[in-house]
PDB file of all heavy atoms in Angstrom:
ATOM      1  N   VAL A   1     -12.267   5.552   0.248  1.00  0.00           N
ATOM      2  CA  VAL A   1     -11.678   4.725  -0.773  1.00  0.00           C
ATOM      3  C   VAL A   1     -10.609   3.743  -0.188  1.00  0.00           C
ATOM      4  O   VAL A   1     -10.587   2.564  -0.367  1.00  0.00           O
ATOM      5  CB  VAL A   1     -11.095   5.480  -1.923  1.00  0.00           C
ATOM      6  CG1 VAL A   1     -10.166   4.678  -2.814  1.00  0.00           C
ATOM      7  CG2 VAL A   1     -12.192   6.142  -2.736  1.00  0.00           C
ATOM      8  N   TYR A   2      -9.892   4.298   0.851  1.00  0.00           N
ATOM      9  CA  TYR A   2      -8.778   3.584   1.476  1.00  0.00           C
ATOM     10  C   TYR A   2      -9.424   2.327   2.337  1.00  0.00           C
ATOM     11  O   TYR A   2      -8.937   1.271   2.314  1.00  0.00           O
ATOM     12  CB  TYR A   2      -8.013   4.374   2.432  1.00  0.00           C
ATOM     13  CG  TYR A   2      -7.019   5.365   1.646  1.00  0.00           C
ATOM     14  CD1 TYR A   2      -6.929   5.340   0.254  1.00  0.00           C
ATOM     15  CD2 TYR A   2      -6.210   6.150   2.331  1.00  0.00           C
ATOM     16  CE1 TYR A   2      -5.986   6.229  -0.348  1.00  0.00           C
ATOM     17  CE2 TYR A   2      -5.319   7.061   1.714  1.00  0.00           C
ATOM     18  CZ  TYR A   2      -5.218   6.991   0.346  1.00  0.00           C
ATOM     19  OH  TYR A   2      -4.290   7.808  -0.318  1.00  0.00           O
ATOM     20  N   VAL A   3     -10.462   2.678   3.027  1.00  0.00           N
ATOM     21  CA  VAL A   3     -11.177   1.641   3.777  1.00  0.00           C
ATOM     22  C   VAL A   3     -11.681   0.496   2.941  1.00  0.00           C
ATOM     23  O   VAL A   3     -11.614  -0.696   3.258  1.00  0.00           O
ATOM     24  CB  VAL A   3     -12.345   2.222   4.619  1.00  0.00           C
ATOM     25  CG1 VAL A   3     -13.209   1.253   5.198  1.00  0.00           C
ATOM     26  CG2 VAL A   3     -11.806   3.141   5.782  1.00  0.00           C
ATOM     27  N   ALA A   4     -12.095   0.851   1.683  1.00  0.00           N
ATOM     28  CA  ALA A   4     -12.554  -0.204   0.850  1.00  0.00           C
ATOM     29  C   ALA A   4     -11.521  -0.943   0.071  1.00  0.00           C
ATOM     30  O   ALA A   4     -11.687  -2.142  -0.113  1.00  0.00           O
ATOM     31  CB  ALA A   4     -13.634   0.440  -0.101  1.00  0.00           C
ATOM     32  N   VAL A   5     -10.432  -0.304  -0.325  1.00  0.00           N
ATOM     33  CA  VAL A   5      -9.483  -0.903  -1.189  1.00  0.00           C
ATOM     34  C   VAL A   5      -8.257  -1.375  -0.483  1.00  0.00           C
ATOM     35  O   VAL A   5      -7.678  -2.401  -0.853  1.00  0.00           O
ATOM     36  CB  VAL A   5      -9.084   0.173  -2.263  1.00  0.00           C
ATOM     37  CG1 VAL A   5      -7.899  -0.288  -3.107  1.00  0.00           C
ATOM     38  CG2 VAL A   5     -10.307   0.548  -3.090  1.00  0.00           C
ATOM     39  N   LEU A   6      -7.781  -0.620   0.556  1.00  0.00           N
ATOM     40  CA  LEU A   6      -6.418  -0.970   1.121  1.00  0.00           C
ATOM     41  C   LEU A   6      -6.352  -2.312   1.683  1.00  0.00           C
ATOM     42  O   LEU A   6      -5.272  -2.979   1.562  1.00  0.00           O
ATOM     43  CB  LEU A   6      -6.094   0.115   2.163  1.00  0.00           C
ATOM     44  CG  LEU A   6      -5.357   1.330   1.621  1.00  0.00           C
ATOM     45  CD1 LEU A   6      -4.928   2.289   2.731  1.00  0.00           C
ATOM     46  CD2 LEU A   6      -4.162   0.951   0.761  1.00  0.00           C
ATOM     47  N   PRO A   7      -7.324  -2.871   2.401  1.00  0.00           N
ATOM     48  CA  PRO A   7      -7.090  -4.226   2.976  1.00  0.00           C
ATOM     49  C   PRO A   7      -6.673  -5.275   1.958  1.00  0.00           C
ATOM     50  O   PRO A   7      -5.698  -6.011   2.214  1.00  0.00           O
ATOM     51  CB  PRO A   7      -8.386  -4.530   3.737  1.00  0.00           C
ATOM     52  CG  PRO A   7      -8.911  -3.237   4.065  1.00  0.00           C
ATOM     53  CD  PRO A   7      -8.520  -2.296   2.894  1.00  0.00           C
ATOM     54  N   ALA A   8      -7.438  -5.331   0.888  1.00  0.00           N
ATOM     55  CA  ALA A   8      -7.123  -6.263  -0.105  1.00  0.00           C
ATOM     56  C   ALA A   8      -5.824  -5.978  -0.768  1.00  0.00           C
ATOM     57  O   ALA A   8      -4.967  -6.955  -1.103  1.00  0.00           O
ATOM     58  CB  ALA A   8      -8.171  -6.272  -1.180  1.00  0.00           C
ATOM     59  N   LEU A   9      -5.461  -4.748  -1.115  1.00  0.00           N
ATOM     60  CA  LEU A   9      -4.220  -4.326  -1.703  1.00  0.00           C
ATOM     61  C   LEU A   9      -2.961  -4.727  -0.839  1.00  0.00           C
ATOM     62  O   LEU A   9      -1.958  -5.293  -1.259  1.00  0.00           O
ATOM     63  CB  LEU A   9      -4.157  -2.841  -2.060  1.00  0.00           C
ATOM     64  CG  LEU A   9      -3.056  -2.454  -2.775  1.00  0.00           C
ATOM     65  CD1 LEU A   9      -2.861  -3.027  -4.169  1.00  0.00           C
ATOM     66  CD2 LEU A   9      -3.030  -0.900  -2.805  1.00  0.00           C
ATOM     67  N   LEU A  10      -3.192  -4.377   0.420  1.00  0.00           N
ATOM     68  CA  LEU A  10      -2.022  -4.717   1.324  1.00  0.00           C
ATOM     69  C   LEU A  10      -1.883  -6.175   1.632  1.00  0.00           C
ATOM     70  O   LEU A  10      -0.701  -6.614   1.666  1.00  0.00           O
ATOM     71  CB  LEU A  10      -2.237  -3.949   2.705  1.00  0.00           C
ATOM     72  CG  LEU A  10      -2.220  -2.416   2.651  1.00  0.00           C
ATOM     73  CD1 LEU A  10      -2.452  -1.868   4.043  1.00  0.00           C
ATOM     74  CD2 LEU A  10      -0.946  -1.911   2.068  1.00  0.00           C
ATOM     75  N   ASP A  11      -2.956  -6.932   1.541  1.00  0.00           N
ATOM     76  CA  ASP A  11      -2.838  -8.410   1.585  1.00  0.00           C
ATOM     77  C   ASP A  11      -2.036  -9.018   0.483  1.00  0.00           C
ATOM     78  O   ASP A  11      -1.247  -9.929   0.623  1.00  0.00           O
ATOM     79  CB  ASP A  11      -4.161  -9.118   1.780  1.00  0.00           C
ATOM     80  CG  ASP A  11      -4.795  -8.975   3.164  1.00  0.00           C
ATOM     81  OD1 ASP A  11      -4.010  -8.645   4.168  1.00  0.00           O
ATOM     82  OD2 ASP A  11      -5.965  -9.183   3.277  1.00  0.00           O
ATOM     83  N   ARG A  12      -2.294  -8.498  -0.725  1.00  0.00           N
ATOM     84  CA  ARG A  12      -1.664  -8.953  -1.894  1.00  0.00           C
ATOM     85  C   ARG A  12      -0.176  -8.613  -1.969  1.00  0.00           C
ATOM     86  O   ARG A  12       0.679  -9.372  -2.455  1.00  0.00           O
ATOM     87  CB  ARG A  12      -2.327  -8.383  -3.171  1.00  0.00           C
ATOM     88  CG  ARG A  12      -3.630  -9.066  -3.518  1.00  0.00           C
ATOM     89  CD  ARG A  12      -4.106  -8.643  -4.880  1.00  0.00           C
ATOM     90  NE  ARG A  12      -5.521  -8.929  -4.939  1.00  0.00           N
ATOM     91  CZ  ARG A  12      -6.449  -8.186  -5.498  1.00  0.00           C
ATOM     92  NH1 ARG A  12      -6.063  -7.082  -5.989  1.00  0.00           N
ATOM     93  NH2 ARG A  12      -7.668  -8.567  -5.522  1.00  0.00           N
ATOM     94  N   LEU A  13       0.209  -7.453  -1.423  1.00  0.00           N
ATOM     95  CA  LEU A  13       1.506  -6.950  -1.537  1.00  0.00           C
ATOM     96  C   LEU A  13       2.357  -7.199  -0.244  1.00  0.00           C
ATOM     97  O   LEU A  13       3.498  -6.593  -0.107  1.00  0.00           O
ATOM     98  CB  LEU A  13       1.491  -5.468  -1.870  1.00  0.00           C
ATOM     99  CG  LEU A  13       0.916  -5.200  -3.265  1.00  0.00           C
ATOM    100  CD1 LEU A  13       0.746  -3.680  -3.518  1.00  0.00           C
ATOM    101  CD2 LEU A  13       1.774  -5.797  -4.387  1.00  0.00           C
ATOM    102  N   VAL A  14       1.944  -7.903   0.665  1.00  0.00           N
ATOM    103  CA  VAL A  14       2.618  -8.018   1.913  1.00  0.00           C
ATOM    104  C   VAL A  14       3.969  -8.800   1.761  1.00  0.00           C
ATOM    105  O   VAL A  14       4.956  -8.571   2.479  1.00  0.00           O
ATOM    106  CB  VAL A  14       1.762  -8.781   3.008  1.00  0.00           C
ATOM    107  CG1 VAL A  14       1.650 -10.281   2.747  1.00  0.00           C
ATOM    108  CG2 VAL A  14       2.288  -8.459   4.366  1.00  0.00           C
ATOM    109  N   GLY A  15       4.050  -9.568   0.642  1.00  0.00           N
ATOM    110  CA  GLY A  15       5.315 -10.272   0.388  1.00  0.00           C
ATOM    111  C   GLY A  15       6.210  -9.605  -0.521  1.00  0.00           C
ATOM    112  O   GLY A  15       7.290 -10.090  -0.880  1.00  0.00           O
ATOM    113  N   ALA A  16       5.872  -8.366  -0.887  1.00  0.00           N
ATOM    114  CA  ALA A  16       6.776  -7.609  -1.873  1.00  0.00           C
ATOM    115  C   ALA A  16       8.036  -7.188  -1.200  1.00  0.00           C
ATOM    116  O   ALA A  16       8.239  -7.215   0.006  1.00  0.00           O
ATOM    117  CB  ALA A  16       5.957  -6.446  -2.349  1.00  0.00           C
ATOM    118  N   ALA A  17       8.899  -6.736  -2.086  1.00  0.00           N
ATOM    119  CA  ALA A  17      10.189  -6.254  -1.536  1.00  0.00           C
ATOM    120  C   ALA A  17      10.006  -4.974  -0.760  1.00  0.00           C
ATOM    121  O   ALA A  17       9.035  -4.268  -0.886  1.00  0.00           O
ATOM    122  CB  ALA A  17      11.172  -5.904  -2.660  1.00  0.00           C
ATOM    123  N   PHE A  18      10.878  -4.740   0.265  1.00  0.00           N
ATOM    124  CA  PHE A  18      10.700  -3.590   1.157  1.00  0.00           C
ATOM    125  C   PHE A  18      10.680  -2.296   0.412  1.00  0.00           C
ATOM    126  O   PHE A  18       9.885  -1.374   0.820  1.00  0.00           O
ATOM    127  CB  PHE A  18      11.817  -3.587   2.186  1.00  0.00           C
ATOM    128  CG  PHE A  18      11.687  -2.596   3.272  1.00  0.00           C
ATOM    129  CD1 PHE A  18      10.663  -2.633   4.206  1.00  0.00           C
ATOM    130  CD2 PHE A  18      12.515  -1.459   3.363  1.00  0.00           C
ATOM    131  CE1 PHE A  18      10.414  -1.734   5.192  1.00  0.00           C
ATOM    132  CE2 PHE A  18      12.324  -0.549   4.339  1.00  0.00           C
ATOM    133  CZ  PHE A  18      11.341  -0.687   5.270  1.00  0.00           C
ATOM    134  N   PHE A  19      11.483  -2.112  -0.621  1.00  0.00           N
ATOM    135  CA  PHE A  19      11.424  -0.893  -1.405  1.00  0.00           C
ATOM    136  C   PHE A  19      10.112  -0.672  -2.025  1.00  0.00           C
ATOM    137  O   PHE A  19       9.644   0.504  -2.032  1.00  0.00           O
ATOM    138  CB  PHE A  19      12.625  -0.878  -2.374  1.00  0.00           C
ATOM    139  CG  PHE A  19      12.737   0.396  -3.206  1.00  0.00           C
ATOM    140  CD1 PHE A  19      13.188   1.599  -2.610  1.00  0.00           C
ATOM    141  CD2 PHE A  19      12.228   0.531  -4.482  1.00  0.00           C
ATOM    142  CE1 PHE A  19      13.379   2.717  -3.270  1.00  0.00           C
ATOM    143  CE2 PHE A  19      12.325   1.702  -5.163  1.00  0.00           C
ATOM    144  CZ  PHE A  19      12.891   2.744  -4.606  1.00  0.00           C
ATOM    145  N   ILE A  20       9.546  -1.701  -2.544  1.00  0.00           N
ATOM    146  CA  ILE A  20       8.231  -1.484  -3.193  1.00  0.00           C
ATOM    147  C   ILE A  20       7.202  -1.145  -2.152  1.00  0.00           C
ATOM    148  O   ILE A  20       6.256  -0.363  -2.366  1.00  0.00           O
ATOM    149  CB  ILE A  20       7.796  -2.794  -3.842  1.00  0.00           C
ATOM    150  CG1 ILE A  20       8.777  -3.227  -4.937  1.00  0.00           C
ATOM    151  CG2 ILE A  20       6.372  -2.788  -4.415  1.00  0.00           C
ATOM    152  CD1 ILE A  20       8.904  -2.166  -6.038  1.00  0.00           C
ATOM    153  N   LYS A  21       7.273  -1.680  -0.926  1.00  0.00           N
ATOM    154  CA  LYS A  21       6.371  -1.343   0.122  1.00  0.00           C
ATOM    155  C   LYS A  21       6.581   0.146   0.571  1.00  0.00           C
ATOM    156  O   LYS A  21       5.525   0.777   0.849  1.00  0.00           O
ATOM    157  CB  LYS A  21       6.645  -2.191   1.465  1.00  0.00           C
ATOM    158  CG  LYS A  21       6.232  -3.606   1.209  1.00  0.00           C
ATOM    159  CD  LYS A  21       6.547  -4.404   2.521  1.00  0.00           C
ATOM    160  CE  LYS A  21       6.284  -5.889   2.345  1.00  0.00           C
ATOM    161  NZ  LYS A  21       6.609  -6.625   3.573  1.00  0.00           N
ATOM    162  N   LEU A  22       7.775   0.620   0.486  1.00  0.00           N
ATOM    163  CA  LEU A  22       7.941   2.018   0.895  1.00  0.00           C
ATOM    164  C   LEU A  22       7.387   2.927  -0.252  1.00  0.00           C
ATOM    165  O   LEU A  22       6.769   3.873   0.208  1.00  0.00           O
ATOM    166  CB  LEU A  22       9.523   2.301   0.977  1.00  0.00           C
ATOM    167  CG  LEU A  22      10.268   1.757   2.153  1.00  0.00           C
ATOM    168  CD1 LEU A  22      11.737   2.109   2.114  1.00  0.00           C
ATOM    169  CD2 LEU A  22       9.554   2.347   3.435  1.00  0.00           C
ATOM    170  N   ILE A  23       7.568   2.570  -1.403  1.00  0.00           N
ATOM    171  CA  ILE A  23       6.981   3.366  -2.480  1.00  0.00           C
ATOM    172  C   ILE A  23       5.429   3.368  -2.408  1.00  0.00           C
ATOM    173  O   ILE A  23       4.778   4.365  -2.573  1.00  0.00           O
ATOM    174  CB  ILE A  23       7.359   2.853  -3.871  1.00  0.00           C
ATOM    175  CG1 ILE A  23       8.967   3.006  -4.027  1.00  0.00           C
ATOM    176  CG2 ILE A  23       6.727   3.462  -5.041  1.00  0.00           C
ATOM    177  CD1 ILE A  23       9.469   4.382  -4.048  1.00  0.00           C
ATOM    178  N   LEU A  24       4.828   2.248  -2.237  1.00  0.00           N
ATOM    179  CA  LEU A  24       3.369   2.037  -2.080  1.00  0.00           C
ATOM    180  C   LEU A  24       2.829   2.908  -0.843  1.00  0.00           C
ATOM    181  O   LEU A  24       1.912   3.579  -0.880  1.00  0.00           O
ATOM    182  CB  LEU A  24       2.930   0.635  -2.003  1.00  0.00           C
ATOM    183  CG  LEU A  24       1.465   0.459  -1.724  1.00  0.00           C
ATOM    184  CD1 LEU A  24       0.702   0.855  -3.041  1.00  0.00           C
ATOM    185  CD2 LEU A  24       1.112  -0.979  -1.487  1.00  0.00           C
ATOM    186  N   SER A  25       3.620   2.935   0.216  1.00  0.00           N
ATOM    187  CA  SER A  25       3.277   3.645   1.455  1.00  0.00           C
ATOM    188  C   SER A  25       3.265   5.173   1.005  1.00  0.00           C
ATOM    189  O   SER A  25       2.340   5.865   1.507  1.00  0.00           O
ATOM    190  CB  SER A  25       4.246   3.339   2.582  1.00  0.00           C
ATOM    191  OG  SER A  25       4.220   2.004   2.902  1.00  0.00           O
ATOM    192  N   ALA A  26       4.227   5.584   0.321  1.00  0.00           N
ATOM    193  CA  ALA A  26       4.259   6.988  -0.161  1.00  0.00           C
ATOM    194  C   ALA A  26       3.119   7.375  -1.028  1.00  0.00           C
ATOM    195  O   ALA A  26       2.505   8.385  -0.835  1.00  0.00           O
ATOM    196  CB  ALA A  26       5.607   7.325  -0.808  1.00  0.00           C
ATOM    197  N   VAL A  27       2.880   6.503  -1.900  1.00  0.00           N
ATOM    198  CA  VAL A  27       1.714   6.709  -2.899  1.00  0.00           C
ATOM    199  C   VAL A  27       0.433   6.800  -2.117  1.00  0.00           C
ATOM    200  O   VAL A  27      -0.511   7.621  -2.529  1.00  0.00           O
ATOM    201  CB  VAL A  27       1.669   5.667  -3.984  1.00  0.00           C
ATOM    202  CG1 VAL A  27       0.372   5.671  -4.739  1.00  0.00           C
ATOM    203  CG2 VAL A  27       2.876   5.801  -4.968  1.00  0.00           C
ATOM    204  N   VAL A  28       0.194   5.962  -1.090  1.00  0.00           N
ATOM    205  CA  VAL A  28      -0.965   5.954  -0.332  1.00  0.00           C
ATOM    206  C   VAL A  28      -1.096   7.158   0.617  1.00  0.00           C
ATOM    207  O   VAL A  28      -2.135   7.804   0.748  1.00  0.00           O
ATOM    208  CB  VAL A  28      -1.151   4.584   0.451  1.00  0.00           C
ATOM    209  CG1 VAL A  28      -2.280   4.690   1.442  1.00  0.00           C
ATOM    210  CG2 VAL A  28      -1.298   3.491  -0.563  1.00  0.00           C
ATOM    211  N   LEU A  29      -0.039   7.463   1.378  1.00  0.00           N
ATOM    212  CA  LEU A  29      -0.023   8.433   2.363  1.00  0.00           C
ATOM    213  C   LEU A  29       0.167   9.871   2.008  1.00  0.00           C
ATOM    214  O   LEU A  29      -0.393  10.751   2.633  1.00  0.00           O
ATOM    215  CB  LEU A  29       0.971   8.100   3.542  1.00  0.00           C
ATOM    216  CG  LEU A  29       0.613   6.786   4.247  1.00  0.00           C
ATOM    217  CD1 LEU A  29       1.811   6.542   5.223  1.00  0.00           C
ATOM    218  CD2 LEU A  29      -0.676   6.889   5.066  1.00  0.00           C
ATOM    219  N   ALA A  30       0.902  10.012   0.879  1.00  0.00           N
ATOM    220  CA  ALA A  30       1.288  11.498   0.560  1.00  0.00           C
ATOM    221  C   ALA A  30       0.059  12.277   0.115  1.00  0.00           C
ATOM    222  O   ALA A  30      -0.103  13.394   0.520  1.00  0.00           O
ATOM    223  CB  ALA A  30       2.330  11.418  -0.533  1.00  0.00           C
ATOM    224  N   PRO A  31      -0.845  11.711  -0.717  1.00  0.00           N
ATOM    225  CA  PRO A  31      -2.086  12.547  -1.062  1.00  0.00           C
ATOM    226  C   PRO A  31      -2.906  12.949   0.196  1.00  0.00           C
ATOM    227  O   PRO A  31      -3.412  14.105   0.285  1.00  0.00           O
ATOM    228  CB  PRO A  31      -2.825  11.705  -2.026  1.00  0.00           C
ATOM    229  CG  PRO A  31      -1.825  10.771  -2.607  1.00  0.00           C
ATOM    230  CD  PRO A  31      -0.915  10.476  -1.470  1.00  0.00           C
ATOM    231  N   LEU A  32      -3.028  12.027   1.096  1.00  0.00           N
ATOM    232  CA  LEU A  32      -3.840  12.239   2.259  1.00  0.00           C
ATOM    233  C   LEU A  32      -3.160  13.312   3.154  1.00  0.00           C
ATOM    234  O   LEU A  32      -3.801  14.213   3.616  1.00  0.00           O
ATOM    235  CB  LEU A  32      -4.028  10.994   3.055  1.00  0.00           C
ATOM    236  CG  LEU A  32      -5.133  10.920   4.138  1.00  0.00           C
ATOM    237  CD1 LEU A  32      -6.442  11.366   3.519  1.00  0.00           C
ATOM    238  CD2 LEU A  32      -5.178   9.544   4.772  1.00  0.00           C
TER     239      LEU A  32
END
């Protein structure tokens, strides 16, 4: 799922605030 979804998601959110990026990183990496 990550291989299919993450590139597009990360491209869209690359300009987000740093705190949002940290939260997204936690949401993506913690279950794995």
